[in-house]
Amino acid sequence: MPTEATRFCGRELSETDLELIREVVDQCGGLSRIELAATVCELLGWTRANGAVKSRECRDLLAELETNGVLTLPELRRGRPRGSRTRQVVTERGERGRAVCGTVKDIAPVDVERVKTEDERLLWRELVGRYHYLGHAVPYGAQLRYLVWAHQPERAVVACVQLSSPAWRMAARDRWIGWSDEVRTRSLQRVVCNSRFLILPWVKVRNLASTILAIMARRVAEDWPRQYGIEPWLLETVVDSQRFTGTCYRAANWVEVGNTTGRGRMDREHRRENLSPKRIFLYPLVRQAARRLRGS
């Protein structure tokens, strides 16, 4: 008979479920308990009828598993629930800047710097909140954020980038990889999502976007293992075809593999089918990425 620690909301957890939970906790040591719970819920499809993850219940389960010696959780720390919208911050430094035009050479060097300090975090959040069409929301699971700086004619932020945990299921991506549901559950953490990419609206620099994407591909291969202890093998993103064509991703050698259903990453109850399908782009970070993700 299973103990209470091996049940989740009345569902008996299999050894595969428990092994996945242990792997998430062991391999993603940089995540908070809230982030770990959200990641586990996404990987195992633990959602409510409205599509929201059962994060609160999962945190209780993780705590009980720790009490029973199954795993060791990170220290408690304060944080805002993932996926929650944040209050719009408006300051003078987030106002439109001086127009930046020309080519990448005209503003070189271009530095992609990871957001580490509270001041950098607030600047990133304000710029994305004010100028990205999706605004700012706390991402689910793992995340890294970057500010992109130009140095000519003066040092200034020209772009913002966010990398985060991947979508649980995207049919076109999953067909490209060719993995089963079981393998996807085991290997999904090897995929990283480019969930925000903002070139500031007063920046009109040819080839800047594709240049940033090329730099980011190199940076994620270094920064993700350093932060989360796992090597990423594939980047993914989705592009709203009603707003953008994805030209910069193609220029940076990303591969378009199909469209989403338009449901959104957390809509597993099929309540929002075909509202706004988006193009799916992938970028392998290693050779034979699909084969490695399949484990074959």
Protein backbone atom coordinates (compact mmCIF):
# COMPACT_ATOMS: atom_id res chain seq x y z
CA MET A 1 0.00 0.00 0.00
CA PRO A 2 1.37 3.44 -0.89
CA THR A 3 1.97 5.93 1.89
CA GLU A 4 0.37 9.36 1.88
CA ALA A 5 3.66 10.72 0.55
CA THR A 6 3.20 8.71 -2.64
CA ARG A 7 -0.23 10.13 -3.41
CA PHE A 8 -1.03 13.46 -5.03
CA CYS A 9 -4.63 14.75 -4.76
CA GLY A 10 -5.89 11.18 -4.51
CA ARG A 11 -3.67 9.92 -7.35
CA GLU A 12 -1.14 7.21 -6.64
CA LEU A 13 2.32 8.22 -7.82
CA SER A 14 4.25 5.70 -9.84
CA GLU A 15 7.95 5.07 -9.36
CA THR A 16 8.45 6.88 -12.69
CA ASP A 17 6.66 9.92 -11.27
CA LEU A 18 8.82 9.87 -8.14
CA GLU A 19 12.00 9.43 -10.15
CA LEU A 20 11.11 12.44 -12.30
CA ILE A 21 10.43 14.53 -9.19
CA ARG A 22 13.80 13.52 -7.74
CA GLU A 23 15.53 14.40 -11.01
CA VAL A 24 13.91 17.84 -11.13
CA VAL A 25 14.94 18.60 -7.55
CA ASP A 26 18.48 17.25 -8.02
CA GLN A 27 19.18 18.81 -11.42
CA CYS A 28 17.53 22.19 -10.87
CA GLY A 29 19.18 23.23 -7.64
CA GLY A 30 18.93 26.92 -8.55
CA LEU A 31 15.12 26.89 -8.44
CA SER A 32 13.04 27.95 -5.46
CA ARG A 33 10.45 25.60 -3.99
CA ILE A 34 7.70 27.46 -5.85
CA GLU A 35 9.60 27.09 -9.12
CA LEU A 36 10.26 23.40 -8.47
CA ALA A 37 6.57 22.76 -7.75
CA ALA A 38 5.48 24.59 -10.91
CA THR A 39 8.02 22.67 -12.98
CA VAL A 40 6.91 19.31 -11.58
CA CYS A 41 3.25 20.18 -12.20
CA GLU A 42 3.98 21.10 -15.81
CA LEU A 43 6.02 17.98 -16.48
CA LEU A 44 3.41 15.65 -15.00
CA GLY A 45 0.35 17.58 -16.18
CA TRP A 46 -0.99 18.33 -12.71
CA THR A 47 -3.53 21.08 -13.43
CA ARG A 48 -6.94 22.24 -12.30
CA ALA A 49 -10.01 22.29 -14.52
CA ASN A 50 -9.16 25.88 -15.54
CA GLY A 51 -5.66 24.86 -16.64
CA ALA A 52 -3.79 26.36 -13.65
CA VAL A 53 -1.07 24.21 -12.09
CA LYS A 54 -1.64 22.67 -8.66
CA SER A 55 1.40 24.45 -7.28
CA ARG A 56 0.22 24.78 -3.68
CA GLU A 57 -0.61 21.09 -3.37
CA CYS A 58 2.62 20.09 -5.10
CA ARG A 59 4.70 22.17 -2.67
CA ASP A 60 3.02 20.30 0.20
CA LEU A 61 3.81 17.00 -1.52
CA LEU A 62 7.48 17.97 -1.99
CA ALA A 63 7.72 18.95 1.67
CA GLU A 64 6.27 15.58 2.70
CA LEU A 65 8.67 13.72 0.41
CA GLU A 66 11.53 15.61 2.04
CA THR A 67 10.23 14.70 5.50
CA ASN A 68 10.21 11.03 4.44
CA GLY A 69 13.81 11.28 3.21
CA VAL A 70 12.96 10.87 -0.48
CA LEU A 71 14.60 14.15 -1.53
CA THR A 72 16.18 17.34 -0.21
CA LEU A 73 14.60 20.69 -1.07
CA PRO A 74 16.35 24.08 -1.31
CA GLU A 75 16.03 26.51 1.58
CA LEU A 76 12.79 28.49 1.74
CA ARG A 77 12.93 31.95 0.19
CA ARG A 78 10.41 34.61 -0.57
CA GLY A 79 9.12 35.01 -4.09
CA ARG A 80 6.09 35.86 -6.23
CA PRO A 81 4.03 32.94 -7.61
CA ARG A 82 5.12 31.97 -11.16
CA GLY A 83 2.78 33.00 -13.94
CA SER A 84 1.37 35.92 -11.96
CA ARG A 85 1.10 39.31 -13.60
CA THR A 86 3.12 42.06 -11.98
CA ARG A 87 2.26 45.68 -11.39
CA GLN A 88 3.40 47.96 -14.22
CA VAL A 89 6.45 49.95 -13.14
CA VAL A 90 6.94 53.34 -14.80
CA THR A 91 10.09 55.39 -14.19
CA GLU A 92 12.06 57.98 -16.09
CA ARG A 93 14.76 55.56 -17.15
CA GLY A 94 12.14 53.43 -18.91
CA GLU A 95 11.05 56.30 -21.16
CA ARG A 96 11.76 56.19 -24.89
CA GLY A 97 15.43 56.79 -25.55
CA ARG A 98 17.32 58.49 -28.33
CA ALA A 99 16.84 56.79 -31.70
CA VAL A 100 19.48 54.14 -32.43
CA CYS A 101 19.88 53.38 -36.15
CA GLY A 102 22.33 51.87 -38.61
CA THR A 103 23.99 48.48 -38.59
CA VAL A 104 25.37 46.26 -35.84
CA LYS A 105 28.83 47.57 -36.64
CA ASP A 106 27.62 51.12 -35.95
CA ILE A 107 26.67 50.27 -32.35
CA ALA A 108 29.36 47.65 -31.64
CA PRO A 109 30.32 46.05 -29.44
CA VAL A 110 27.02 44.43 -28.49
CA ASP A 111 27.08 42.96 -24.99
CA VAL A 112 24.51 40.47 -23.73
CA GLU A 113 24.64 40.70 -19.94
CA ARG A 114 22.77 38.46 -17.54
CA VAL A 115 20.42 40.24 -15.13
CA LYS A 116 21.84 39.70 -11.65
CA THR A 117 21.25 42.76 -9.47
CA GLU A 118 17.96 44.13 -8.16
CA ASP A 119 18.49 47.32 -10.18
CA GLU A 120 18.97 45.33 -13.39
CA ARG A 121 15.92 43.20 -12.60
CA LEU A 122 13.73 46.27 -12.15
CA LEU A 123 14.98 47.82 -15.39
CA TRP A 124 14.37 44.59 -17.35
CA ARG A 125 10.91 44.22 -15.85
CA GLU A 126 9.95 47.80 -16.66
CA LEU A 127 11.16 47.69 -20.26
CA VAL A 128 9.44 44.38 -20.98
CA GLY A 129 6.30 45.44 -19.14
CA ARG A 130 6.03 48.68 -21.08
CA TYR A 131 7.18 47.69 -24.57
CA HIS A 132 6.65 43.93 -25.12
CA TYR A 133 3.17 43.13 -26.44
CA LEU A 134 2.78 40.30 -23.91
CA GLY A 135 3.98 42.44 -21.03
CA HIS A 136 5.79 41.05 -18.02
CA ALA A 137 4.73 37.92 -16.15
CA VAL A 138 6.72 35.80 -13.70
CA PRO A 139 7.71 32.73 -15.75
CA TYR A 140 7.01 29.15 -14.75
CA GLY A 141 9.97 27.04 -13.72
CA ALA A 142 13.54 28.00 -14.54
CA GLN A 143 14.44 31.35 -16.06
CA LEU A 144 17.38 33.54 -17.03
CA ARG A 145 17.08 37.17 -18.14
CA TYR A 146 19.43 39.37 -20.12
CA LEU A 147 19.88 43.04 -20.98
CA VAL A 148 21.52 43.75 -24.32
CA TRP A 149 23.78 46.82 -24.42
CA ALA A 150 25.12 48.82 -27.34
CA HIS A 151 28.26 50.96 -26.91
CA GLN A 152 27.94 53.44 -29.75
CA PRO A 153 27.13 56.31 -30.01
CA GLU A 154 26.74 55.83 -26.23
CA ARG A 155 26.22 52.89 -23.90
CA ALA A 156 22.52 52.07 -23.81
CA VAL A 157 20.14 49.12 -23.50
CA VAL A 158 18.77 48.10 -26.90
CA ALA A 159 17.04 44.78 -26.15
CA CYS A 160 15.78 42.37 -23.47
CA VAL A 161 15.78 38.56 -23.58
CA GLN A 162 14.27 35.89 -21.35
CA LEU A 163 14.96 32.17 -21.37
CA SER A 164 12.68 29.87 -19.38
CA SER A 165 11.27 26.37 -19.02
CA PRO A 166 9.76 24.88 -22.20
CA ALA A 167 6.16 24.16 -23.08
CA TRP A 168 4.93 20.81 -21.77
CA ARG A 169 3.59 19.69 -25.12
CA MET A 170 3.76 21.17 -28.65
CA ALA A 171 2.77 18.72 -31.37
CA ALA A 172 5.01 20.13 -34.10
CA ARG A 173 8.05 20.25 -31.81
CA ASP A 174 7.37 16.78 -30.50
CA ARG A 175 7.04 15.38 -34.03
CA TRP A 176 10.36 17.00 -35.00
CA ILE A 177 12.05 15.36 -32.03
CA GLY A 178 10.16 12.10 -32.43
CA TRP A 179 9.94 11.27 -28.73
CA SER A 180 7.24 9.41 -26.83
CA ASP A 181 5.34 10.92 -23.90
CA GLU A 182 7.49 8.91 -21.51
CA VAL A 183 10.75 10.11 -23.07
CA ARG A 184 9.46 13.69 -23.23
CA THR A 185 8.76 13.60 -19.51
CA ARG A 186 12.32 12.43 -18.88
CA SER A 187 14.14 14.74 -21.32
CA LEU A 188 12.06 17.91 -21.45
CA GLN A 189 14.44 19.78 -19.16
CA ARG A 190 17.01 19.65 -21.96
CA VAL A 191 14.81 22.12 -23.91
CA VAL A 192 14.90 25.86 -23.13
CA CYS A 193 12.32 28.39 -24.30
CA ASN A 194 13.11 31.88 -25.57
CA SER A 195 9.96 33.23 -23.92
CA ARG A 196 10.63 36.96 -24.31
CA PHE A 197 12.60 38.81 -26.99
CA LEU A 198 12.25 42.57 -27.17
CA ILE A 199 14.10 45.00 -29.40
CA LEU A 200 13.21 48.39 -27.95
CA PRO A 201 10.92 50.32 -30.33
CA TRP A 202 13.34 53.24 -30.85
CA VAL A 203 16.11 50.85 -31.96
CA LYS A 204 16.26 50.29 -35.73
CA VAL A 205 19.51 48.44 -36.31
CA ARG A 206 19.82 46.03 -39.24
CA ASN A 207 20.63 42.43 -38.28
CA LEU A 208 20.63 43.24 -34.56
CA ALA A 209 17.97 40.65 -33.69
CA SER A 210 19.72 37.77 -35.46
CA THR A 211 23.04 38.85 -33.94
CA ILE A 212 21.54 38.72 -30.44
CA LEU A 213 20.03 35.29 -31.10
CA ALA A 214 23.42 33.97 -32.20
CA ILE A 215 25.05 35.30 -29.03
CA MET A 216 22.23 33.89 -26.90
CA ALA A 217 22.71 30.41 -28.32
CA ARG A 218 26.29 30.49 -27.07
CA ARG A 219 25.38 32.03 -23.71
CA VAL A 220 22.61 29.57 -22.82
CA ALA A 221 24.99 26.67 -23.40
CA GLU A 222 27.22 28.17 -20.69
CA ASP A 223 24.77 29.87 -18.32
CA TRP A 224 22.01 27.25 -18.06
CA PRO A 225 24.26 24.43 -16.76
CA ARG A 226 25.96 26.88 -14.41
CA GLN A 227 22.61 27.96 -12.95
CA TYR A 228 20.59 24.73 -13.10
CA GLY A 229 23.12 21.94 -13.47
CA ILE A 230 21.76 20.55 -16.74
CA GLU A 231 23.05 20.92 -20.29
CA PRO A 232 20.42 22.24 -22.75
CA TRP A 233 20.27 20.59 -26.17
CA LEU A 234 17.50 22.54 -27.90
CA LEU A 235 16.07 26.07 -27.93
CA GLU A 236 12.42 26.72 -28.78
CA THR A 237 10.23 29.77 -29.28
CA VAL A 238 6.82 30.67 -30.66
CA VAL A 239 6.10 33.66 -32.90
CA ASP A 240 2.69 35.29 -33.22
CA SER A 241 2.21 35.23 -37.00
CA GLN A 242 -0.40 37.97 -36.78
CA ARG A 243 2.32 40.32 -35.57
CA PHE A 244 5.66 38.96 -36.79
CA THR A 245 7.10 36.81 -39.57
CA GLY A 246 10.01 35.27 -37.65
CA THR A 247 12.58 36.64 -40.11
CA CYS A 248 15.23 37.16 -37.43
CA TYR A 249 14.95 33.55 -36.27
CA ARG A 250 15.37 32.27 -39.80
CA ALA A 251 18.37 34.57 -40.26
CA ALA A 252 19.89 33.06 -37.13
CA ASN A 253 19.36 29.52 -38.55
CA TRP A 254 16.40 28.55 -36.39
CA VAL A 255 14.11 25.96 -38.03
CA GLU A 256 10.38 26.51 -38.40
CA VAL A 257 8.62 23.21 -37.68
CA GLY A 258 4.92 24.08 -37.64
CA ASN A 259 2.23 25.90 -35.69
CA THR A 260 0.77 25.69 -32.21
CA THR A 261 -2.93 24.99 -31.71
CA GLY A 262 -3.42 28.40 -30.13
CA ARG A 263 -4.36 26.93 -26.75
CA GLY A 264 -1.48 28.34 -24.72
CA ARG A 265 1.08 26.43 -22.66
CA MET A 266 -1.21 25.83 -19.67
CA ASP A 267 -4.47 25.02 -21.50
CA ARG A 268 -4.55 21.23 -21.30
CA GLU A 269 -8.34 21.07 -21.12
CA HIS A 270 -8.65 22.17 -24.79
CA ARG A 271 -10.79 25.18 -23.92
CA ARG A 272 -9.03 27.70 -26.19
CA GLU A 273 -8.42 25.79 -29.40
CA ASN A 274 -7.28 27.85 -32.42
CA LEU A 275 -7.60 31.26 -30.78
CA SER A 276 -4.19 32.45 -31.93
CA PRO A 277 -1.91 29.80 -33.49
CA LYS A 278 1.77 30.66 -33.44
CA ARG A 279 4.75 29.56 -35.49
CA ILE A 280 7.18 27.24 -33.70
CA PHE A 281 10.93 27.71 -34.23
CA LEU A 282 13.68 25.42 -32.92
CA TYR A 283 17.44 25.79 -32.66
CA PRO A 284 19.60 22.72 -31.89
CA LEU A 285 22.43 23.55 -29.48
CA VAL A 286 24.21 20.24 -30.00
CA ARG A 287 24.71 17.87 -32.89
CA GLN A 288 21.93 15.32 -33.40
CA ALA A 289 19.81 17.12 -30.82
CA ALA A 290 16.62 15.24 -31.74
CA ARG A 291 18.32 11.85 -31.48
CA ARG A 292 19.84 12.74 -28.13
CA LEU A 293 16.48 13.97 -26.81
CA ARG A 294 14.92 10.67 -27.92
CA GLY A 295 17.67 8.85 -26.08
CA SER A 296 18.43 6.72 -29.11
